[in-house]
Amino acid sequence: MMNNLIKYRNADKEFWYEELEDWVPKRIYDCHVHMINNDLIDESSIHKNRFPNTPLKAIKDWYKLVLPKREVNSLILGKPMFGTDVNAHNKYIHQEIKDNNLLRAHRLTTPLDSLSDIEKDIKDHGFQGLKVYRYFSSSGDINE
């Protein structure tokens, strides 16, 4: 859960009510959100359990805490972590957001993905775009 990663203090809450509440719009679209499911990351990965699991419910709970009385929707992006089962990760994202038509997602994509798999995921899971990362470089050099 997000609370395990970031501590929300009374000073943060006071700042919200004193400085931001009247200024921040009632409807917000967060265009950079990562959902994490450590069960989909290989045990040997340096990224395994680096961050807590963040299913959609945890993200929504976090929004309610830090952005009270706001309607927040999101663009969910695939999270780049070594050892991730990319297909399972994309299915996980789809399962988490499929019942909310205000949420969108970009498919985590690597050089190993076939064009037919990408097309199938776009058609079947409604991905709005592709998210690619240097981590998954086909040369093995994340700088290429």
Protein backbone atom coordinates (compact mmCIF):
# COMPACT_ATOMS: atom_id res chain seq x y z
CA MET A 1 0.00 0.00 0.00
CA MET A 2 1.17 3.55 -0.67
CA ASN A 3 1.14 4.40 3.03
CA ASN A 4 4.03 1.98 3.49
CA LEU A 5 6.08 3.87 0.92
CA ILE A 6 5.20 7.48 1.67
CA LYS A 7 4.24 8.80 5.07
CA TYR A 8 1.32 11.23 4.96
CA ARG A 9 1.82 13.60 7.86
CA ASN A 10 -0.49 16.02 9.64
CA ALA A 11 1.55 18.85 8.12
CA ASP A 12 0.70 17.50 4.66
CA LYS A 13 -3.00 17.46 5.51
CA GLU A 14 -2.83 21.00 6.91
CA PHE A 15 -1.04 22.20 3.78
CA TRP A 16 -3.77 20.68 1.63
CA TYR A 17 -6.57 22.46 3.49
CA GLU A 18 -4.72 25.77 3.87
CA GLU A 19 -3.09 26.08 0.44
CA LEU A 20 -4.49 23.64 -2.10
CA GLU A 21 -8.09 22.65 -1.46
CA ASP A 22 -9.61 25.76 -3.06
CA TRP A 23 -7.15 25.72 -5.94
CA VAL A 24 -7.01 22.07 -7.08
CA PRO A 25 -9.79 21.16 -9.55
CA LYS A 26 -12.60 18.85 -8.45
CA ARG A 27 -11.78 16.47 -11.31
CA ILE A 28 -8.22 15.28 -11.86
CA TYR A 29 -6.65 13.00 -14.42
CA ASP A 30 -3.38 11.52 -13.17
CA CYS A 31 -1.50 10.66 -16.34
CA HIS A 32 1.39 8.70 -14.81
CA VAL A 33 0.47 5.83 -12.51
CA HIS A 34 2.20 2.47 -12.04
CA MET A 35 0.48 -0.57 -10.57
CA ILE A 36 2.81 -3.14 -9.05
CA ASN A 37 2.19 -6.80 -8.35
CA ASN A 38 5.30 -8.41 -6.89
CA ASP A 39 3.85 -11.87 -7.55
CA LEU A 40 4.58 -11.24 -11.25
CA ILE A 41 8.29 -10.54 -10.68
CA ASP A 42 10.85 -13.36 -10.63
CA GLU A 43 12.28 -14.19 -7.19
CA SER A 44 15.84 -13.58 -8.44
CA SER A 45 15.10 -10.05 -9.67
CA ILE A 46 16.67 -7.04 -7.97
CA HIS A 47 13.23 -5.43 -8.32
CA LYS A 48 11.32 -8.13 -6.44
CA ASN A 49 9.60 -6.40 -3.48
CA ARG A 50 11.53 -3.16 -4.07
CA PHE A 51 8.17 -1.38 -3.97
CA PRO A 52 4.99 -2.50 -2.21
CA ASN A 53 2.15 -3.98 -4.22
CA THR A 54 -0.06 -1.22 -5.56
CA PRO A 55 -3.33 -2.58 -6.88
CA LEU A 56 -5.99 -0.15 -8.08
CA LYS A 57 -7.71 -0.13 -4.68
CA ALA A 58 -4.52 1.09 -2.96
CA ILE A 59 -4.12 3.83 -5.56
CA LYS A 60 -7.74 4.93 -5.13
CA ASP A 61 -7.35 4.90 -1.33
CA TRP A 62 -4.23 7.06 -1.67
CA TYR A 63 -6.11 9.55 -3.85
CA LYS A 64 -8.88 9.76 -1.25
CA LEU A 65 -6.31 10.51 1.43
CA VAL A 66 -4.19 13.12 -0.36
CA LEU A 67 -6.85 14.56 -2.69
CA PRO A 68 -10.02 14.57 -0.59
CA LYS A 69 -13.32 15.33 -2.28
CA ARG A 70 -11.76 14.94 -5.72
CA GLU A 71 -12.71 12.65 -8.57
CA VAL A 72 -9.43 11.17 -9.78
CA ASN A 73 -8.95 8.90 -12.77
CA SER A 74 -5.70 7.65 -14.21
CA LEU A 75 -3.56 6.54 -17.09
CA ILE A 76 -1.96 3.31 -15.89
CA LEU A 77 1.50 2.60 -17.30
CA GLY A 78 3.32 -0.70 -17.31
CA LYS A 79 6.04 -0.75 -14.64
CA PRO A 80 9.54 -1.58 -15.86
CA MET A 81 11.17 -4.05 -13.53
CA PHE A 82 13.66 -6.78 -14.36
CA GLY A 83 12.16 -10.23 -14.09
CA THR A 84 8.59 -9.11 -14.73
CA ASP A 85 6.31 -11.54 -16.52
CA VAL A 86 5.26 -8.92 -19.07
CA ASN A 87 2.21 -10.78 -20.39
CA ALA A 88 0.93 -11.46 -16.87
CA HIS A 89 1.60 -7.83 -15.91
CA ASN A 90 -0.47 -6.56 -18.85
CA LYS A 91 -3.30 -8.97 -18.00
CA TYR A 92 -3.14 -7.81 -14.38
CA ILE A 93 -3.51 -4.16 -15.42
CA HIS A 94 -6.45 -5.05 -17.65
CA GLN A 95 -8.18 -7.01 -14.87
CA GLU A 96 -7.72 -4.15 -12.41
CA ILE A 97 -9.17 -1.41 -14.62
CA LYS A 98 -11.63 -3.18 -16.92
CA ASP A 99 -14.73 -2.13 -14.97
CA ASN A 100 -13.93 1.60 -15.00
CA ASN A 101 -14.26 3.22 -18.40
CA LEU A 102 -12.57 6.42 -17.18
CA LEU A 103 -9.26 4.63 -16.62
CA ARG A 104 -6.83 4.04 -19.46
CA ALA A 105 -3.67 1.97 -19.75
CA HIS A 106 -0.55 1.66 -21.85
CA ARG A 107 0.75 -1.83 -22.52
CA LEU A 108 4.15 -2.73 -21.11
CA THR A 109 6.04 -3.66 -24.27
CA THR A 110 9.47 -5.18 -24.91
CA PRO A 111 11.48 -5.99 -28.06
CA LEU A 112 10.54 -9.66 -27.53
CA ASP A 113 6.82 -8.98 -28.00
CA SER A 114 5.38 -9.99 -31.34
CA LEU A 115 3.30 -7.56 -33.34
CA SER A 116 0.41 -10.03 -33.22
CA ASP A 117 0.54 -10.16 -29.39
CA ILE A 118 0.59 -6.37 -29.23
CA GLU A 119 -2.37 -6.11 -31.63
CA LYS A 120 -4.28 -8.77 -29.69
CA ASP A 121 -3.76 -6.97 -26.38
CA ILE A 122 -4.88 -3.67 -27.88
CA LYS A 123 -8.04 -5.27 -29.29
CA ASP A 124 -8.83 -7.57 -26.35
CA HIS A 125 -7.70 -5.41 -23.44
CA GLY A 126 -8.24 -1.91 -24.78
CA PHE A 127 -4.73 -0.58 -24.24
CA GLN A 128 -4.55 3.01 -25.47
CA GLY A 129 -0.82 3.01 -26.14
CA LEU A 130 2.48 1.24 -25.65
CA LYS A 131 4.97 1.84 -22.86
CA VAL A 132 8.53 0.91 -23.70
CA TYR A 133 11.60 1.22 -21.50
CA ARG A 134 15.35 1.09 -21.95
CA TYR A 135 15.42 -1.66 -19.31
CA PHE A 136 14.21 -4.08 -21.95
CA SER A 137 16.80 -3.22 -24.61
CA SER A 138 17.32 -6.15 -26.96
CA SER A 139 21.08 -5.57 -26.92
CA GLY A 140 21.22 -5.90 -23.14
CA ASP A 141 22.57 -2.35 -22.86
CA ILE A 142 19.89 -0.10 -21.35
CA ASN A 143 21.68 2.88 -22.87
CA GLU A 144 21.01 1.71 -26.44
